Protein backbone atom coordinates (compact mmCIF):
# COMPACT_ATOMS: atom_id res chain seq x y z
CA UNK A 1 -14.42 13.58 -18.89
CA UNK A 2 -13.14 10.14 -19.69
CA UNK A 3 -14.73 7.18 -17.94
CA UNK A 4 -11.84 5.05 -16.68
CA UNK A 5 -14.04 1.98 -16.39
CA UNK A 6 -14.87 1.80 -20.09
CA UNK A 7 -16.22 -1.75 -20.19
CA UNK A 8 -16.30 -2.01 -23.97
CA UNK A 9 -12.66 -1.07 -24.33
CA UNK A 10 -11.60 -3.55 -21.69
CA UNK A 11 -13.60 -6.38 -23.21
CA UNK A 12 -11.94 -5.73 -26.57
CA UNK A 13 -8.52 -5.75 -24.93
CA UNK A 14 -9.20 -8.79 -22.79
CA UNK A 15 -10.81 -10.96 -25.42
CA UNK A 16 -9.24 -9.91 -28.69
CA UNK A 17 -12.34 -8.01 -29.79
CA UNK A 18 -14.43 -11.16 -29.79
CA UNK A 19 -18.19 -10.85 -29.72
CA UNK A 20 -20.85 -12.92 -28.05
CA UNK A 21 -20.29 -12.56 -24.32
CA UNK A 22 -23.73 -13.83 -23.53
CA UNK A 23 -25.85 -12.33 -20.77
CA UNK A 24 -24.76 -8.98 -19.39
CA UNK A 25 -24.38 -10.28 -15.85
CA UNK A 26 -22.10 -13.07 -17.02
CA UNK A 27 -19.98 -10.54 -18.88
CA UNK A 28 -19.67 -8.32 -15.81
CA UNK A 29 -18.66 -11.24 -13.58
CA UNK A 30 -16.15 -12.47 -16.15
CA UNK A 31 -14.68 -8.99 -16.53
CA UNK A 32 -14.24 -8.63 -12.77
CA UNK A 33 -12.60 -12.04 -12.57
CA UNK A 34 -10.20 -11.15 -15.40
CA UNK A 35 -9.07 -8.17 -13.35
CA UNK A 36 -9.21 -9.63 -9.84
CA UNK A 37 -7.34 -12.89 -10.41
CA UNK A 38 -4.10 -11.52 -11.89
CA UNK A 39 -3.93 -8.50 -9.57
CA UNK A 40 -4.52 -10.59 -6.43
CA UNK A 41 -1.99 -13.22 -7.56
CA UNK A 42 0.48 -10.44 -8.28
CA UNK A 43 0.11 -8.95 -4.80
CA UNK A 44 -0.02 -12.30 -3.00
CA UNK A 45 3.20 -13.59 -4.54
CA UNK A 46 5.15 -10.34 -4.63
CA UNK A 47 4.21 -9.33 -1.09
CA UNK A 48 5.09 -12.75 0.26
CA UNK A 49 8.57 -11.89 -0.95
CA UNK A 50 8.31 -8.28 0.26
CA UNK A 51 7.27 -9.20 3.80
CA UNK A 52 9.86 -11.96 3.92
CA UNK A 53 12.64 -9.41 3.44
CA UNK A 54 11.30 -6.19 5.00
CA UNK A 55 11.37 -7.23 8.72
CA UNK A 56 14.93 -8.55 8.45
CA UNK A 57 16.43 -6.09 5.96
CA UNK A 58 18.38 -4.11 8.61
CA UNK A 59 19.98 -7.34 9.84
CA UNK A 60 20.87 -8.37 6.29
CA UNK A 61 22.43 -4.97 5.58
CA UNK A 62 24.66 -5.27 8.65
CA UNK A 63 25.74 -8.75 7.57
CA UNK A 64 26.43 -7.81 3.96
CA UNK A 65 28.37 -4.63 4.82
CA UNK A 66 29.60 -4.92 8.44
CA UNK A 67 31.92 -1.93 8.09
CA UNK A 68 29.11 0.36 6.99
CA UNK A 69 27.75 1.11 10.43
CA UNK A 70 24.47 2.71 11.42
CA UNK A 71 24.71 5.51 8.85
CA UNK A 72 24.95 3.01 5.99
CA UNK A 73 21.99 1.01 7.28
CA UNK A 74 19.92 4.19 7.59
CA UNK A 75 20.83 5.44 4.11
CA UNK A 76 20.10 2.05 2.54
CA UNK A 77 16.71 1.75 4.24
CA UNK A 78 15.82 5.32 3.26
CA UNK A 79 16.78 4.64 -0.36
CA UNK A 80 14.70 1.47 -0.50
CA UNK A 81 11.61 3.00 1.09
CA UNK A 82 11.83 6.14 -1.05
CA UNK A 83 12.03 4.02 -4.20
CA UNK A 84 9.15 1.75 -3.14
CA UNK A 85 6.85 4.69 -2.46
CA UNK A 86 7.86 7.33 -4.97
CA UNK A 87 9.99 6.02 -7.83
CA UNK A 88 7.02 5.77 -10.21
CA UNK A 89 6.55 9.55 -9.98
CA UNK A 90 9.76 10.05 -11.95
CA UNK A 91 8.70 7.84 -14.87
CA UNK A 92 5.00 8.72 -14.95
CA UNK A 93 5.13 10.10 -18.51
CA UNK A 94 6.70 6.87 -19.74
CA UNK A 95 4.21 4.71 -17.83
CA UNK A 96 1.33 6.78 -19.24
CA UNK A 97 2.18 5.42 -22.71
CA UNK A 98 3.18 1.90 -21.65
CA UNK A 99 1.28 -1.35 -22.08
CA UNK A 100 -0.02 -2.18 -18.59
CA UNK A 101 0.88 -5.87 -18.79
CA UNK A 102 4.43 -5.17 -19.94
CA UNK A 103 4.98 -2.46 -17.31
CA UNK A 104 3.67 -4.63 -14.46
CA UNK A 105 5.81 -7.61 -15.47
CA UNK A 106 8.88 -5.43 -16.07
CA UNK A 107 8.52 -3.88 -12.62
CA UNK A 108 8.26 -7.30 -10.97
CA UNK A 109 11.34 -8.55 -12.82
CA UNK A 110 13.26 -5.40 -11.80
CA UNK A 111 12.41 -6.19 -8.17
CA UNK A 112 13.49 -9.81 -8.64
CA UNK A 113 16.80 -8.70 -10.12
CA UNK A 114 17.44 -6.23 -7.30
CA UNK A 115 16.88 -8.83 -4.57
CA UNK A 116 18.81 -11.54 -6.45
CA UNK A 117 21.98 -9.44 -6.79
CA UNK A 118 21.78 -7.97 -3.26
CA UNK A 119 23.91 -10.72 -1.61
CA UNK A 120 26.73 -10.23 -4.12
CA UNK A 121 26.43 -6.46 -4.67
CA UNK A 122 29.87 -4.81 -4.48
CA UNK A 123 30.18 -2.67 -1.38
CA UNK A 124 27.82 -0.11 0.10
CA UNK A 125 27.15 1.64 -3.22
CA UNK A 126 26.28 -1.65 -4.91
CA UNK A 127 23.89 -2.63 -2.13
CA UNK A 128 22.10 0.73 -2.29
CA UNK A 129 21.88 0.43 -6.09
CA UNK A 130 20.35 -3.04 -5.79
CA UNK A 131 17.77 -1.77 -3.30
CA UNK A 132 16.93 1.19 -5.55
CA UNK A 133 16.42 -1.21 -8.45
CA UNK A 134 14.15 -3.46 -6.37
CA UNK A 135 12.20 -0.54 -4.94
CA UNK A 136 11.68 1.06 -8.35
CA UNK A 137 10.34 -2.21 -9.69
CA UNK A 138 7.94 -2.57 -6.76
CA UNK A 139 6.72 1.01 -7.23
CA UNK A 140 6.21 0.54 -10.98
CA UNK A 141 4.27 -2.69 -10.57
CA UNK A 142 2.09 -1.28 -7.79
CA UNK A 143 1.17 1.84 -9.74
CA UNK A 144 0.33 -0.03 -12.95
CA UNK A 145 -1.69 -2.67 -11.09
CA UNK A 146 -3.87 0.09 -9.64
CA UNK A 147 -4.11 1.71 -13.09
CA UNK A 148 -5.26 -1.61 -14.56
CA UNK A 149 -8.05 -1.88 -12.00
CA UNK A 150 -9.13 1.72 -12.52
CA UNK A 151 -9.16 1.42 -16.30
CA UNK A 152 -11.14 -1.80 -16.26
CA UNK A 153 -13.90 -1.55 -13.63
CA UNK A 154 -16.52 0.78 -12.22
CA UNK A 155 -16.22 2.31 -8.74
CA UNK A 156 -17.89 -0.42 -6.65
CA UNK A 157 -16.02 -3.21 -8.43
CA UNK A 158 -12.74 -1.31 -8.05
CA UNK A 159 -13.16 -1.12 -4.30
CA UNK A 160 -13.97 -4.83 -4.17
CA UNK A 161 -10.73 -5.63 -6.00
CA UNK A 162 -8.68 -3.25 -3.83
CA UNK A 163 -10.19 -4.85 -0.72
CA UNK A 164 -9.37 -8.33 -2.01
CA UNK A 165 -5.83 -7.13 -2.60
CA UNK A 166 -5.79 -5.94 1.02
CA UNK A 167 -6.60 -9.50 2.11
CA UNK A 168 -3.86 -10.96 -0.11
CA UNK A 169 -1.30 -8.50 1.23
CA UNK A 170 -2.15 -9.35 4.83
CA UNK A 171 -1.97 -13.08 4.17
CA UNK A 172 1.54 -12.42 2.88
CA UNK A 173 2.27 -10.16 5.86
CA UNK A 174 1.33 -12.99 8.23
CA UNK A 175 3.47 -15.62 6.49
CA UNK A 176 6.48 -13.66 5.23
CA UNK A 177 8.10 -12.75 8.57
CA UNK A 178 7.82 -16.34 9.80
CA UNK A 179 9.68 -17.62 6.74
CA UNK A 180 12.28 -14.86 7.00
CA UNK A 181 13.14 -15.48 10.65
CA UNK A 182 13.35 -19.24 10.19
CA UNK A 183 15.82 -18.85 7.30
CA UNK A 184 17.88 -16.18 9.04
CA UNK A 185 18.18 -18.33 12.17
CA UNK A 186 19.77 -20.96 9.94
CA UNK A 187 22.13 -18.47 8.21
CA UNK A 188 20.37 -18.90 4.88
CA UNK A 189 20.62 -15.22 3.91
CA UNK A 190 21.41 -15.72 0.24
CA UNK A 191 18.84 -18.46 -0.15
CA UNK A 192 16.22 -16.19 1.43
CA UNK A 193 16.86 -13.40 -1.06
CA UNK A 194 16.87 -15.83 -3.99
CA UNK A 195 13.52 -17.18 -2.76
CA UNK A 196 12.22 -13.60 -2.55
CA UNK A 197 13.39 -12.99 -6.12
CA UNK A 198 11.66 -16.19 -7.16
CA UNK A 199 8.35 -14.93 -5.75
CA UNK A 200 8.62 -11.82 -7.92
CA UNK A 201 9.43 -13.92 -10.98
CA UNK A 202 6.35 -16.06 -10.34
CA UNK A 203 4.25 -12.91 -9.98
CA UNK A 204 5.61 -11.62 -13.31
CA UNK A 205 4.72 -14.92 -14.99
CA UNK A 206 1.16 -14.70 -13.63
CA UNK A 207 0.82 -11.15 -14.97
CA UNK A 208 2.11 -12.08 -18.44
CA UNK A 209 -0.32 -14.99 -18.67
CA UNK A 210 -3.43 -13.42 -17.13
CA UNK A 211 -3.35 -9.68 -17.88
CA UNK A 212 -4.55 -8.81 -21.40
CA UNK A 213 -2.27 -6.93 -23.72
CA UNK A 214 -3.21 -3.64 -25.33
CA UNK A 215 -4.51 -1.90 -22.18
CA UNK A 216 -2.78 1.49 -21.93
CA UNK A 217 -3.31 4.42 -19.54
CA UNK A 218 -3.32 6.89 -22.45
CA UNK A 219 -6.38 5.32 -24.15
CA UNK A 220 -8.80 8.12 -24.88
CA UNK A 221 -6.22 10.75 -25.98
CA UNK A 222 -5.95 12.33 -22.53
CA UNK A 223 -2.96 14.64 -21.89
CA UNK A 224 0.15 13.15 -20.28
CA UNK A 225 0.17 13.09 -16.46
CA UNK A 226 1.62 15.99 -14.53
CA UNK A 227 4.84 15.48 -12.61
CA UNK A 228 5.93 18.49 -10.57
CA UNK A 229 2.57 20.12 -11.27
CA UNK A 230 1.05 17.55 -8.94
CA UNK A 231 1.75 19.74 -5.93
CA UNK A 232 -0.08 22.64 -7.57
CA UNK A 233 -3.05 20.36 -8.23
CA UNK A 234 -3.18 19.37 -4.55
CA UNK A 235 -3.47 23.03 -3.59
CA UNK A 236 -5.70 24.32 -6.39
CA UNK A 237 -8.19 21.50 -7.06
CA UNK A 238 -10.69 21.13 -4.18
CA UNK A 239 -11.43 17.47 -5.02
CA UNK A 240 -7.74 16.54 -5.07
CA UNK A 241 -7.05 18.61 -1.97
CA UNK A 242 -9.82 16.96 0.05
CA UNK A 243 -8.84 13.38 -0.80
CA UNK A 244 -5.14 14.17 -0.40
CA UNK A 245 -5.52 15.76 3.04
CA UNK A 246 -7.64 12.88 4.36
CA UNK A 247 -5.18 10.37 2.91
CA UNK A 248 -2.21 12.20 4.43
CA UNK A 249 -3.93 12.31 7.85
CA UNK A 250 -4.79 8.62 7.69
CA UNK A 251 -1.30 7.78 6.41
CA UNK A 252 0.21 9.67 9.35
CA UNK A 253 -1.83 7.56 11.79
CA UNK A 254 -1.26 4.32 9.88
CA UNK A 255 2.51 4.84 9.97
CA UNK A 256 2.43 4.67 13.77
CA UNK A 257 1.97 0.90 13.52
CA UNK A 258 5.52 0.18 12.33
CA UNK A 259 7.07 2.89 14.51
CA UNK A 260 5.38 3.91 17.77
CA UNK A 261 3.27 0.75 18.14
CA UNK A 262 6.33 -1.43 17.52
CA UNK A 263 8.25 0.50 20.17
CA UNK A 264 5.34 0.24 22.61
CA UNK A 265 5.22 -3.53 22.11
CA UNK A 266 8.97 -3.80 22.73
CA UNK A 267 8.62 -1.82 25.96
CA UNK A 268 5.63 -3.80 27.21
CA UNK A 269 7.01 -7.33 26.69
CA UNK A 270 10.39 -8.99 26.18
CA UNK A 271 8.81 -12.23 24.96
CA UNK A 272 9.62 -12.65 21.24
CA UNK A 273 6.59 -14.89 20.74
CA UNK A 274 4.25 -12.19 22.06
CA UNK A 275 5.95 -9.55 19.95
CA UNK A 276 5.57 -11.60 16.80
CA UNK A 277 2.06 -12.66 17.78
CA UNK A 278 0.80 -9.09 18.11
CA UNK A 279 1.84 -8.22 14.55
CA UNK A 280 0.60 -11.51 13.16
CA UNK A 281 -2.73 -10.85 14.90
CA UNK A 282 -3.01 -7.60 12.95
CA UNK A 283 -2.61 -9.39 9.63
CA UNK A 284 -5.02 -12.17 10.56
CA UNK A 285 -7.65 -9.72 11.81
CA UNK A 286 -7.45 -7.65 8.63
CA UNK A 287 -8.02 -10.78 6.56
CA UNK A 288 -11.00 -11.80 8.72
CA UNK A 289 -12.59 -8.34 8.84
CA UNK A 290 -11.98 -7.23 5.27
CA UNK A 291 -14.71 -9.38 3.69
CA UNK A 292 -17.67 -8.05 5.72
CA UNK A 293 -16.32 -4.50 5.61
CA UNK A 294 -15.91 -4.70 1.84
CA UNK A 295 -19.46 -6.00 1.42
CA UNK A 296 -20.82 -3.14 3.53
CA UNK A 297 -18.78 -0.52 1.66
CA UNK A 298 -19.84 -1.95 -1.70
CA UNK A 299 -23.51 -1.60 -0.78
CA UNK A 300 -23.03 1.98 0.39
CA UNK A 301 -20.92 2.95 -2.63
CA UNK A 302 -23.59 1.49 -4.88
CA UNK A 303 -26.15 3.65 -3.09
CA UNK A 304 -24.11 6.77 -3.79
CA UNK A 305 -22.01 7.22 -0.66
CA UNK A 306 -18.73 9.02 -1.58
CA UNK A 307 -15.50 7.09 -0.94
CA UNK A 308 -14.23 9.98 1.23
CA UNK A 309 -16.84 9.07 3.84
CA UNK A 310 -15.18 5.70 4.36
CA UNK A 311 -11.74 7.31 4.48
CA UNK A 312 -13.01 9.45 7.34
CA UNK A 313 -14.50 6.38 9.04
CA UNK A 314 -11.06 4.77 8.88
CA UNK A 315 -9.36 7.86 10.33
CA UNK A 316 -11.92 7.97 13.13
CA UNK A 317 -11.34 4.32 14.03
CA UNK A 318 -7.57 4.89 14.00
CA UNK A 319 -8.21 7.64 16.56
CA UNK A 320 -10.25 5.22 18.70
CA UNK A 321 -7.44 2.65 18.55
CA UNK A 322 -4.91 5.15 19.82
CA UNK A 323 -7.24 6.34 22.57
CA UNK A 324 -7.54 2.72 23.69
CA UNK A 325 -3.76 2.32 23.50
CA UNK A 326 -3.33 5.32 25.79
CA UNK A 327 -5.73 3.84 28.35
CA UNK A 328 -4.81 0.14 28.27
CA UNK A 329 -1.49 -0.08 26.42
CA UNK A 330 0.68 -0.69 29.48
CA UNK A 331 -0.14 -4.43 29.32
CA UNK A 332 -0.05 -6.96 26.50
CA UNK A 333 -3.83 -7.51 26.54
CA UNK A 334 -4.39 -3.79 26.18
CA UNK A 335 -2.01 -3.55 23.25
CA UNK A 336 -3.79 -6.47 21.57
CA UNK A 337 -7.15 -4.72 22.02
CA UNK A 338 -5.83 -1.52 20.49
CA UNK A 339 -4.28 -3.44 17.59
CA UNK A 340 -7.63 -5.15 16.97
CA UNK A 341 -9.35 -1.76 16.64
CA UNK A 342 -6.47 -0.51 14.48
CA UNK A 343 -6.98 -3.52 12.19
CA UNK A 344 -10.63 -2.61 11.70
CA UNK A 345 -9.57 0.91 10.72
CA UNK A 346 -7.20 -0.52 8.10
CA UNK A 347 -10.02 -2.43 6.40
CA UNK A 348 -11.95 0.81 5.83
CA UNK A 349 -9.08 3.15 5.07
CA UNK A 350 -6.42 1.32 3.05
CA UNK A 351 -8.45 -0.07 0.09
CA UNK A 352 -10.64 3.04 -0.05
CA UNK A 353 -7.63 5.29 -0.67
CA UNK A 354 -7.23 3.74 -4.12
CA UNK A 355 -10.96 4.00 -4.81
CA UNK A 356 -11.16 7.63 -3.70
CA UNK A 357 -8.33 8.76 -5.95
CA UNK A 358 -9.60 6.75 -8.92
CA UNK A 359 -12.93 8.64 -8.96
CA UNK A 360 -11.61 12.20 -8.66
CA UNK A 361 -13.55 14.10 -11.34
CA UNK A 362 -11.92 15.77 -14.33
CA UNK A 363 -9.81 14.77 -17.29
CA UNK A 364 -6.77 13.64 -15.34
CA UNK A 365 -4.91 10.60 -16.71
CA UNK A 366 -5.23 7.57 -14.49
CA UNK A 367 -1.45 7.42 -13.94
CA UNK A 368 -1.65 10.98 -12.61
CA UNK A 369 -4.46 10.06 -10.23
CA UNK A 370 -2.37 7.35 -8.63
CA UNK A 371 0.70 9.59 -8.60
CA UNK A 372 -1.40 12.03 -6.57
CA UNK A 373 -2.14 9.13 -4.23
CA UNK A 374 1.57 8.43 -3.90
CA UNK A 375 2.32 12.05 -3.02
CA UNK A 376 -0.35 12.18 -0.30
CA UNK A 377 0.40 8.77 1.19
CA UNK A 378 4.16 9.28 1.15
CA UNK A 379 3.89 12.68 2.84
CA UNK A 380 1.60 11.38 5.60
CA UNK A 381 3.45 8.14 6.23
CA UNK A 382 6.90 9.72 6.19
CA UNK A 383 5.97 12.32 8.82
CA UNK A 384 4.10 9.65 10.78
CA UNK A 385 7.11 7.33 10.83
CA UNK A 386 9.40 10.12 12.03
CA UNK A 387 6.91 11.15 14.72
CA UNK A 388 6.34 7.56 15.81
CA UNK A 389 10.05 7.13 16.34
CA UNK A 390 11.47 10.40 17.64
CA UNK A 391 8.50 11.88 19.50
CA UNK A 392 7.27 8.59 20.93
CA UNK A 393 10.67 7.81 22.40
CA UNK A 394 10.85 11.32 23.86
CA UNK A 395 7.41 10.87 25.42
CA UNK A 396 8.36 7.42 26.75
CA UNK A 397 11.55 8.80 28.31
CA UNK A 398 9.43 11.28 30.29
CA UNK A 399 6.80 8.73 31.29
CA UNK A 400 4.25 10.29 28.94
CA UNK A 401 3.32 7.44 26.61
CA UNK A 402 -0.42 7.80 27.33
CA UNK A 403 -0.15 11.51 26.48
CA UNK A 404 1.40 10.64 23.11
CA UNK A 405 -1.39 8.20 22.26
CA UNK A 406 -3.99 10.71 23.42
CA UNK A 407 -2.50 13.38 21.16
CA UNK A 408 -2.77 11.01 18.20
CA UNK A 409 -6.40 10.30 19.05
CA UNK A 410 -7.18 14.03 19.25
CA UNK A 411 -5.44 14.59 15.90
CA UNK A 412 -7.60 11.89 14.26
CA UNK A 413 -10.82 13.29 15.72
CA UNK A 414 -9.95 16.83 14.61
CA UNK A 415 -9.13 15.62 11.09
CA UNK A 416 -12.53 13.95 10.83
CA UNK A 417 -14.41 16.95 12.23
CA UNK A 418 -12.59 19.37 9.94
CA UNK A 419 -13.64 17.48 6.82
CA UNK A 420 -17.17 16.85 8.05
CA UNK A 421 -17.71 20.57 8.51
CA UNK A 422 -15.97 21.55 5.26
CA UNK A 423 -17.60 19.20 2.73
CA UNK A 424 -16.38 19.31 -0.85
CA UNK A 425 -18.45 18.77 -3.95
CA UNK A 426 -18.39 15.13 -4.99
CA UNK A 427 -18.08 14.45 -8.66
């Protein structure tokens, strides 16, 4: 089995095969910094752009193509989200042989190009094409950034980087919507999208300067990653199946935040400041809680605790958040309390998904490992988003919102219990 965190290989790639790193501890710290700084800058800049456009994208689509109607808006949003989450699956063989630095930067520039041409894209087809281009670039960059971390660092250090990324993403999530709404209120649609494109260009520049060349997923002569065989691996490999099922369950619960929780907030208060404040509170809380949670998880991982344990902790806390929502969610204070618990669950679950997939035993290429992650997360979040929209609204129409939240809590508890009583071998 190949060790993805081959320190010697990374040092050669990062330093041009120079010798004389000095003390071992200094070398380890320097290696982590070489990985952490570019990846965090990448996510901070790119997601500032991403969260500046995502909350207002439906409004922009209606403005750019007013004759398109609801069907056009739905198709365009579906195309963008599908590309963001799954486009890298279709080019996994190519990415397996690509230079990580080049692939990350190319993906970021694809996203920049897609957003830059969106205001002038010709008709509905042109708009959808621009969104597909942007989404494919985002997917490519995200996959290769995770590959870079997995190739370069050991398990504990990987989780630290992924947790730091979680903080950067939530800083962007807190700032991006504020910028977007200010610019839209002043009819600065085109300028907003050009600014978003500029953020992706800056992220690409940071990657080209800070990520070492010569790091490739196929180092070590491992076979190319599976594509359609991924689904067979989920069923046949017990390690893949366990991590995938937990990830899908957690993704299903996580997806409620931008569907059912958003609808609950809209039904509880008409005050736009409160609505915005609840979602900003989530981002701020994740940033505040991620550091101590990461430190705790790092100690436990170093002591041999499997990453799947922390995935299950996250799923369990999601369940607690929804139980609280069912009890107290009829008022703003109750919603805020449930969102606070939900935020704690995010700090355990979200970064640990990357860590858990990166340490699945066997000879799987690292691109394949993160493609498996994409399959599991996309399946869980897609079903969760549908459920959080259609079923929540049905429950609300019959006065059964607490029942809906209770059902989610029961689902989370059952998912945790199932995996606790059917432990898999940890490699």
